[in-house]
Amino acid sequence: MSEANPINTGFYMVTSNNRTILFGKWYAQKNYSTKLKERDVLNGTMKEGVFRELGLSVRFLDTRYFSGFCEVSRDFKAVTTVHANCCRTLGAKMVDLTAVVHDWKRFKSLSNSNSTSTLKWD
């Protein structure tokens, strides 16, 4: 784990054990930090050395496989997950994720036709 990496709080794979008290500490601190976002609180917790103190093994996911509306992946073929965390309303999420479904269908139809077209997110 590199503590120089900015942390994003979107995806977790956690094995429950006595070290997962991190989540309790994080959420308690988040509730008292009115001006900070949850990722900022977690970043602070990491920089304070709490991960090391708890003996946590943390790995960051390769962003090549994730796309979102804040930062679009450049490699359409590698993306396995699209998240809509930058959309402020449920309506906006539905519109944007519907566009993703249309892009995916277009991609699949091009894949089936052996087309060499360059595809990008709309």
N, C-alpha and C. Protein backbone atom coordinates (compact mmCIF):
# COMPACT_ATOMS: atom_id res chain seq x y z
N MET A 1 0.84 -1.18 0.00
CA MET A 1 0.00 0.00 0.00
C MET A 1 0.88 1.23 0.00
N SER A 2 0.54 2.18 -0.82
CA SER A 2 1.25 3.44 -0.83
C SER A 2 0.35 4.50 -0.21
N GLU A 3 0.81 5.09 0.87
CA GLU A 3 0.01 6.14 1.50
C GLU A 3 0.04 7.43 0.70
N ALA A 4 0.80 7.45 -0.39
CA ALA A 4 0.81 8.62 -1.28
C ALA A 4 -0.40 8.59 -2.22
N ASN A 5 -1.01 7.42 -2.38
CA ASN A 5 -2.19 7.31 -3.24
C ASN A 5 -3.38 8.00 -2.60
N PRO A 6 -4.13 8.77 -3.38
CA PRO A 6 -5.38 9.28 -2.83
C PRO A 6 -6.37 8.13 -2.72
N ILE A 7 -7.09 8.10 -1.66
CA ILE A 7 -8.01 6.99 -1.40
C ILE A 7 -9.39 7.34 -1.94
N ASN A 8 -10.08 6.38 -2.49
CA ASN A 8 -11.46 6.57 -2.90
C ASN A 8 -12.27 5.56 -2.10
N THR A 9 -13.41 5.98 -1.62
CA THR A 9 -14.15 5.14 -0.68
C THR A 9 -15.29 4.38 -1.33
N GLY A 10 -15.19 4.07 -2.58
CA GLY A 10 -16.30 3.43 -3.26
C GLY A 10 -16.43 1.93 -3.14
N PHE A 11 -15.34 1.18 -3.16
CA PHE A 11 -15.42 -0.28 -3.19
C PHE A 11 -14.58 -0.87 -2.08
N TYR A 12 -15.12 -1.92 -1.41
CA TYR A 12 -14.39 -2.59 -0.34
C TYR A 12 -14.53 -4.09 -0.49
N MET A 13 -13.49 -4.80 -0.16
CA MET A 13 -13.58 -6.23 0.07
C MET A 13 -12.93 -6.44 1.44
N VAL A 14 -13.72 -6.80 2.43
CA VAL A 14 -13.24 -6.83 3.80
C VAL A 14 -13.56 -8.18 4.41
N THR A 15 -12.56 -8.76 5.06
CA THR A 15 -12.78 -9.95 5.86
C THR A 15 -13.00 -9.49 7.29
N SER A 16 -14.13 -9.82 7.86
CA SER A 16 -14.46 -9.37 9.20
C SER A 16 -13.52 -9.99 10.23
N ASN A 17 -12.93 -9.15 11.05
CA ASN A 17 -12.06 -9.62 12.14
C ASN A 17 -11.89 -8.48 13.14
N ASN A 18 -11.04 -8.66 14.13
CA ASN A 18 -10.90 -7.64 15.15
C ASN A 18 -10.25 -6.36 14.65
N ARG A 19 -9.67 -6.37 13.45
CA ARG A 19 -9.06 -5.16 12.90
C ARG A 19 -10.05 -4.31 12.12
N THR A 20 -11.21 -4.84 11.82
CA THR A 20 -12.19 -4.06 11.06
C THR A 20 -12.86 -2.99 11.91
N ILE A 21 -12.35 -2.79 13.12
CA ILE A 21 -12.83 -1.66 13.92
C ILE A 21 -12.50 -0.35 13.23
N LEU A 22 -11.65 -0.42 12.20
CA LEU A 22 -11.36 0.76 11.40
C LEU A 22 -12.64 1.42 10.93
N PHE A 23 -13.62 0.63 10.50
CA PHE A 23 -14.86 1.19 9.99
C PHE A 23 -15.60 1.96 11.08
N GLY A 24 -15.62 1.43 12.29
CA GLY A 24 -16.25 2.14 13.40
C GLY A 24 -15.54 3.44 13.71
N LYS A 25 -14.22 3.41 13.73
CA LYS A 25 -13.43 4.62 13.98
C LYS A 25 -13.65 5.65 12.88
N TRP A 26 -13.61 5.17 11.66
CA TRP A 26 -13.77 6.05 10.51
C TRP A 26 -15.13 6.73 10.54
N TYR A 27 -16.20 5.96 10.73
CA TYR A 27 -17.53 6.54 10.71
C TYR A 27 -17.78 7.45 11.91
N ALA A 28 -17.22 7.12 13.06
CA ALA A 28 -17.36 8.00 14.22
C ALA A 28 -16.67 9.33 13.94
N GLN A 29 -15.47 9.27 13.38
CA GLN A 29 -14.73 10.49 13.07
C GLN A 29 -15.45 11.27 11.96
N LYS A 30 -16.00 10.57 10.99
CA LYS A 30 -16.72 11.22 9.89
C LYS A 30 -17.92 12.00 10.42
N ASN A 31 -18.61 11.43 11.41
CA ASN A 31 -19.79 12.09 11.96
C ASN A 31 -19.45 13.39 12.70
N TYR A 32 -18.21 13.50 13.18
CA TYR A 32 -17.80 14.71 13.89
C TYR A 32 -17.03 15.68 13.01
N SER A 33 -16.80 15.32 11.77
CA SER A 33 -16.06 16.17 10.83
C SER A 33 -17.03 16.76 9.83
N THR A 34 -17.68 17.83 10.23
CA THR A 34 -18.76 18.38 9.40
C THR A 34 -18.29 18.97 8.08
N LYS A 35 -17.04 19.39 7.99
CA LYS A 35 -16.57 20.04 6.75
C LYS A 35 -15.79 19.10 5.84
N LEU A 36 -15.61 17.85 6.27
CA LEU A 36 -14.83 16.91 5.47
C LEU A 36 -15.73 15.84 4.84
N LYS A 37 -15.36 15.42 3.64
CA LYS A 37 -16.04 14.29 3.01
C LYS A 37 -15.51 13.01 3.62
N GLU A 38 -16.25 11.92 3.47
CA GLU A 38 -15.84 10.65 4.08
C GLU A 38 -14.48 10.19 3.57
N ARG A 39 -14.18 10.43 2.29
CA ARG A 39 -12.87 10.01 1.77
C ARG A 39 -11.75 10.83 2.38
N ASP A 40 -12.01 12.11 2.69
CA ASP A 40 -10.99 12.95 3.33
C ASP A 40 -10.71 12.46 4.75
N VAL A 41 -11.76 12.05 5.45
CA VAL A 41 -11.60 11.51 6.80
C VAL A 41 -10.80 10.21 6.74
N LEU A 42 -11.11 9.33 5.80
CA LEU A 42 -10.38 8.07 5.68
C LEU A 42 -8.92 8.32 5.29
N ASN A 43 -8.69 9.28 4.40
CA ASN A 43 -7.32 9.65 4.03
C ASN A 43 -6.54 10.11 5.25
N GLY A 44 -7.16 10.94 6.09
CA GLY A 44 -6.52 11.41 7.31
C GLY A 44 -6.21 10.26 8.26
N THR A 45 -7.15 9.33 8.37
CA THR A 45 -6.96 8.16 9.21
C THR A 45 -5.77 7.34 8.73
N MET A 46 -5.66 7.18 7.41
CA MET A 46 -4.54 6.44 6.83
C MET A 46 -3.22 7.16 7.12
N LYS A 47 -3.20 8.47 6.90
CA LYS A 47 -1.97 9.25 7.10
C LYS A 47 -1.56 9.29 8.57
N GLU A 48 -2.51 9.15 9.48
CA GLU A 48 -2.20 9.10 10.92
C GLU A 48 -1.60 7.76 11.32
N GLY A 49 -1.59 6.79 10.42
CA GLY A 49 -0.98 5.50 10.69
C GLY A 49 -1.90 4.46 11.28
N VAL A 50 -3.21 4.71 11.26
CA VAL A 50 -4.17 3.76 11.85
C VAL A 50 -4.15 2.43 11.11
N PHE A 51 -3.99 2.46 9.78
CA PHE A 51 -3.93 1.21 9.02
C PHE A 51 -2.77 0.35 9.51
N ARG A 52 -1.59 0.98 9.65
CA ARG A 52 -0.41 0.24 10.12
C ARG A 52 -0.61 -0.27 11.54
N GLU A 53 -1.17 0.58 12.41
CA GLU A 53 -1.41 0.17 13.81
C GLU A 53 -2.30 -1.06 13.90
N LEU A 54 -3.29 -1.13 13.03
CA LEU A 54 -4.22 -2.25 13.04
C LEU A 54 -3.69 -3.45 12.26
N GLY A 55 -2.56 -3.28 11.59
CA GLY A 55 -1.99 -4.37 10.81
C GLY A 55 -2.81 -4.69 9.57
N LEU A 56 -3.46 -3.68 9.02
CA LEU A 56 -4.31 -3.90 7.85
C LEU A 56 -3.48 -4.00 6.58
N SER A 57 -3.87 -4.90 5.72
CA SER A 57 -3.29 -5.02 4.40
C SER A 57 -4.27 -4.37 3.43
N VAL A 58 -3.86 -3.25 2.86
CA VAL A 58 -4.75 -2.48 1.99
C VAL A 58 -4.11 -2.39 0.61
N ARG A 59 -4.91 -2.68 -0.40
CA ARG A 59 -4.46 -2.53 -1.77
C ARG A 59 -5.44 -1.64 -2.51
N PHE A 60 -4.92 -0.86 -3.41
CA PHE A 60 -5.77 0.01 -4.21
C PHE A 60 -6.08 -0.68 -5.53
N LEU A 61 -7.31 -0.53 -5.99
CA LEU A 61 -7.75 -1.14 -7.24
C LEU A 61 -7.18 -0.35 -8.41
N ASP A 62 -6.87 -1.05 -9.48
CA ASP A 62 -6.36 -0.41 -10.68
C ASP A 62 -7.52 0.32 -11.36
N THR A 63 -7.40 1.63 -11.47
CA THR A 63 -8.49 2.45 -12.01
C THR A 63 -8.73 2.19 -13.50
N ARG A 64 -7.87 1.45 -14.13
CA ARG A 64 -8.08 1.11 -15.54
C ARG A 64 -9.40 0.36 -15.72
N TYR A 65 -9.82 -0.40 -14.71
CA TYR A 65 -11.00 -1.25 -14.81
C TYR A 65 -12.29 -0.57 -14.35
N PHE A 66 -12.20 0.69 -13.94
CA PHE A 66 -13.35 1.41 -13.42
C PHE A 66 -13.53 2.70 -14.19
N SER A 67 -14.76 3.05 -14.44
CA SER A 67 -15.04 4.32 -15.08
C SER A 67 -16.17 4.99 -14.32
N GLY A 68 -16.23 6.27 -14.45
CA GLY A 68 -17.28 7.02 -13.80
C GLY A 68 -17.49 8.33 -14.53
N PHE A 69 -18.35 9.13 -14.02
CA PHE A 69 -18.67 10.37 -14.70
C PHE A 69 -17.76 11.52 -14.27
N CYS A 70 -17.03 11.33 -13.18
CA CYS A 70 -16.02 12.33 -12.78
C CYS A 70 -14.74 12.12 -13.58
N GLU A 71 -14.39 10.87 -13.78
CA GLU A 71 -13.17 10.52 -14.50
C GLU A 71 -13.47 9.32 -15.38
N VAL A 72 -13.52 9.55 -16.67
CA VAL A 72 -13.87 8.51 -17.63
C VAL A 72 -12.63 7.69 -17.96
N SER A 73 -12.76 6.38 -17.95
CA SER A 73 -11.65 5.50 -18.32
C SER A 73 -11.33 5.68 -19.79
N ARG A 74 -10.04 5.64 -20.11
CA ARG A 74 -9.62 5.77 -21.51
C ARG A 74 -9.71 4.44 -22.26
N ASP A 75 -9.76 3.34 -21.52
CA ASP A 75 -9.74 2.02 -22.14
C ASP A 75 -11.12 1.36 -22.04
N PHE A 76 -11.95 1.62 -23.01
CA PHE A 76 -13.34 1.14 -23.00
C PHE A 76 -13.41 -0.36 -22.83
N LYS A 77 -12.50 -1.09 -23.48
CA LYS A 77 -12.53 -2.56 -23.45
C LYS A 77 -12.15 -3.13 -22.10
N ALA A 78 -11.40 -2.38 -21.28
CA ALA A 78 -10.93 -2.90 -19.98
C ALA A 78 -11.93 -2.66 -18.85
N VAL A 79 -12.85 -1.73 -19.02
CA VAL A 79 -13.76 -1.34 -17.94
C VAL A 79 -14.68 -2.48 -17.54
N THR A 80 -14.76 -2.72 -16.23
CA THR A 80 -15.68 -3.74 -15.71
C THR A 80 -16.75 -3.14 -14.83
N THR A 81 -16.55 -1.91 -14.37
CA THR A 81 -17.52 -1.26 -13.47
C THR A 81 -17.61 0.22 -13.82
N VAL A 82 -18.84 0.73 -13.88
CA VAL A 82 -19.07 2.16 -14.07
C VAL A 82 -19.86 2.64 -12.87
N HIS A 83 -19.37 3.68 -12.24
CA HIS A 83 -20.09 4.21 -11.08
C HIS A 83 -20.57 5.63 -11.35
N ALA A 84 -21.64 5.98 -10.68
CA ALA A 84 -22.28 7.28 -10.91
C ALA A 84 -22.22 8.14 -9.65
N ASN A 85 -21.11 8.05 -8.92
CA ASN A 85 -21.04 8.78 -7.66
C ASN A 85 -20.92 10.29 -7.83
N CYS A 86 -20.59 10.76 -9.01
CA CYS A 86 -20.51 12.21 -9.23
C CYS A 86 -21.86 12.83 -9.58
N CYS A 87 -22.83 12.01 -9.90
CA CYS A 87 -24.16 12.52 -10.23
C CYS A 87 -24.87 12.90 -8.93
N ARG A 88 -25.41 14.08 -8.89
CA ARG A 88 -25.97 14.60 -7.64
C ARG A 88 -27.38 14.10 -7.33
N THR A 89 -28.13 13.75 -8.35
CA THR A 89 -29.51 13.32 -8.09
C THR A 89 -29.74 11.93 -8.68
N LEU A 90 -30.77 11.28 -8.20
CA LEU A 90 -31.12 9.97 -8.73
C LEU A 90 -31.50 10.07 -10.20
N GLY A 91 -32.19 11.13 -10.57
CA GLY A 91 -32.56 11.34 -11.97
C GLY A 91 -31.35 11.46 -12.87
N ALA A 92 -30.33 12.20 -12.41
CA ALA A 92 -29.10 12.35 -13.19
C ALA A 92 -28.38 11.01 -13.33
N LYS A 93 -28.38 10.23 -12.25
CA LYS A 93 -27.74 8.90 -12.31
C LYS A 93 -28.45 8.03 -13.34
N MET A 94 -29.77 8.07 -13.35
CA MET A 94 -30.54 7.24 -14.29
C MET A 94 -30.24 7.64 -15.74
N VAL A 95 -30.19 8.93 -16.00
CA VAL A 95 -29.90 9.39 -17.36
C VAL A 95 -28.50 8.95 -17.79
N ASP A 96 -27.52 9.19 -16.93
CA ASP A 96 -26.14 8.86 -17.29
C ASP A 96 -25.91 7.35 -17.39
N LEU A 97 -26.48 6.59 -16.47
CA LEU A 97 -26.29 5.13 -16.53
C LEU A 97 -27.05 4.52 -17.70
N THR A 98 -28.16 5.12 -18.10
CA THR A 98 -28.87 4.67 -19.30
C THR A 98 -27.99 4.88 -20.52
N ALA A 99 -27.28 6.01 -20.57
CA ALA A 99 -26.35 6.26 -21.68
C ALA A 99 -25.24 5.20 -21.70
N VAL A 100 -24.78 4.79 -20.51
CA VAL A 100 -23.75 3.74 -20.43
C VAL A 100 -24.27 2.44 -21.02
N VAL A 101 -25.51 2.10 -20.70
CA VAL A 101 -26.11 0.87 -21.25
C VAL A 101 -26.17 0.95 -22.77
N HIS A 102 -26.54 2.11 -23.31
CA HIS A 102 -26.58 2.27 -24.77
C HIS A 102 -25.18 2.14 -25.37
N ASP A 103 -24.18 2.76 -24.71
CA ASP A 103 -22.79 2.65 -25.19
C ASP A 103 -22.35 1.19 -25.17
N TRP A 104 -22.71 0.46 -24.12
CA TRP A 104 -22.32 -0.95 -24.00
C TRP A 104 -22.95 -1.78 -25.11
N LYS A 105 -24.22 -1.53 -25.38
CA LYS A 105 -24.90 -2.27 -26.45
C LYS A 105 -24.24 -1.99 -27.80
N ARG A 106 -23.87 -0.72 -28.02
CA ARG A 106 -23.19 -0.35 -29.27
C ARG A 106 -21.83 -1.06 -29.35
N PHE A 107 -21.12 -1.09 -28.25
CA PHE A 107 -19.82 -1.78 -28.18
C PHE A 107 -19.98 -3.26 -28.50
N LYS A 108 -20.97 -3.91 -27.90
CA LYS A 108 -21.19 -5.34 -28.13
C LYS A 108 -21.56 -5.60 -29.58
N SER A 109 -22.34 -4.74 -30.18
CA SER A 109 -22.72 -4.96 -31.58
C SER A 109 -21.50 -4.78 -32.49
N LEU A 110 -20.62 -3.84 -32.16
CA LEU A 110 -19.39 -3.67 -32.95
C LEU A 110 -18.47 -4.87 -32.77
N SER A 111 -18.42 -5.41 -31.56
CA SER A 111 -17.58 -6.57 -31.28
C SER A 111 -18.04 -7.78 -32.08
N ASN A 112 -19.35 -7.92 -32.20
CA ASN A 112 -19.92 -9.07 -32.93
C ASN A 112 -19.75 -8.94 -34.43
N SER A 113 -19.59 -7.71 -34.92
CA SER A 113 -19.49 -7.51 -36.37
C SER A 113 -18.03 -7.38 -36.83
N ASN A 114 -17.07 -7.58 -35.92
CA ASN A 114 -15.65 -7.45 -36.24
C ASN A 114 -15.29 -6.09 -36.81
N SER A 115 -16.02 -5.06 -36.39
CA SER A 115 -15.74 -3.70 -36.85
C SER A 115 -14.49 -3.17 -36.15
N THR A 116 -13.77 -2.31 -36.83
CA THR A 116 -12.57 -1.72 -36.23
C THR A 116 -12.82 -0.27 -35.81
N SER A 117 -14.08 0.07 -35.60
CA SER A 117 -14.44 1.43 -35.21
C SER A 117 -13.85 1.76 -33.83
N THR A 118 -13.48 3.02 -33.66
CA THR A 118 -13.01 3.49 -32.35
C THR A 118 -14.22 3.92 -31.54
N LEU A 119 -14.40 3.30 -30.39
CA LEU A 119 -15.56 3.56 -29.54
C LEU A 119 -15.12 4.37 -28.34
N LYS A 120 -15.92 5.34 -27.97
CA LYS A 120 -15.66 6.10 -26.76
C LYS A 120 -16.98 6.36 -26.06
N TRP A 121 -16.89 6.75 -24.78
CA TRP A 121 -18.09 7.05 -24.01
C TRP A 121 -18.76 8.29 -24.58
N ASP A 122 -20.09 8.26 -24.68
CA ASP A 122 -20.85 9.47 -25.10
C ASP A 122 -20.98 10.43 -23.96
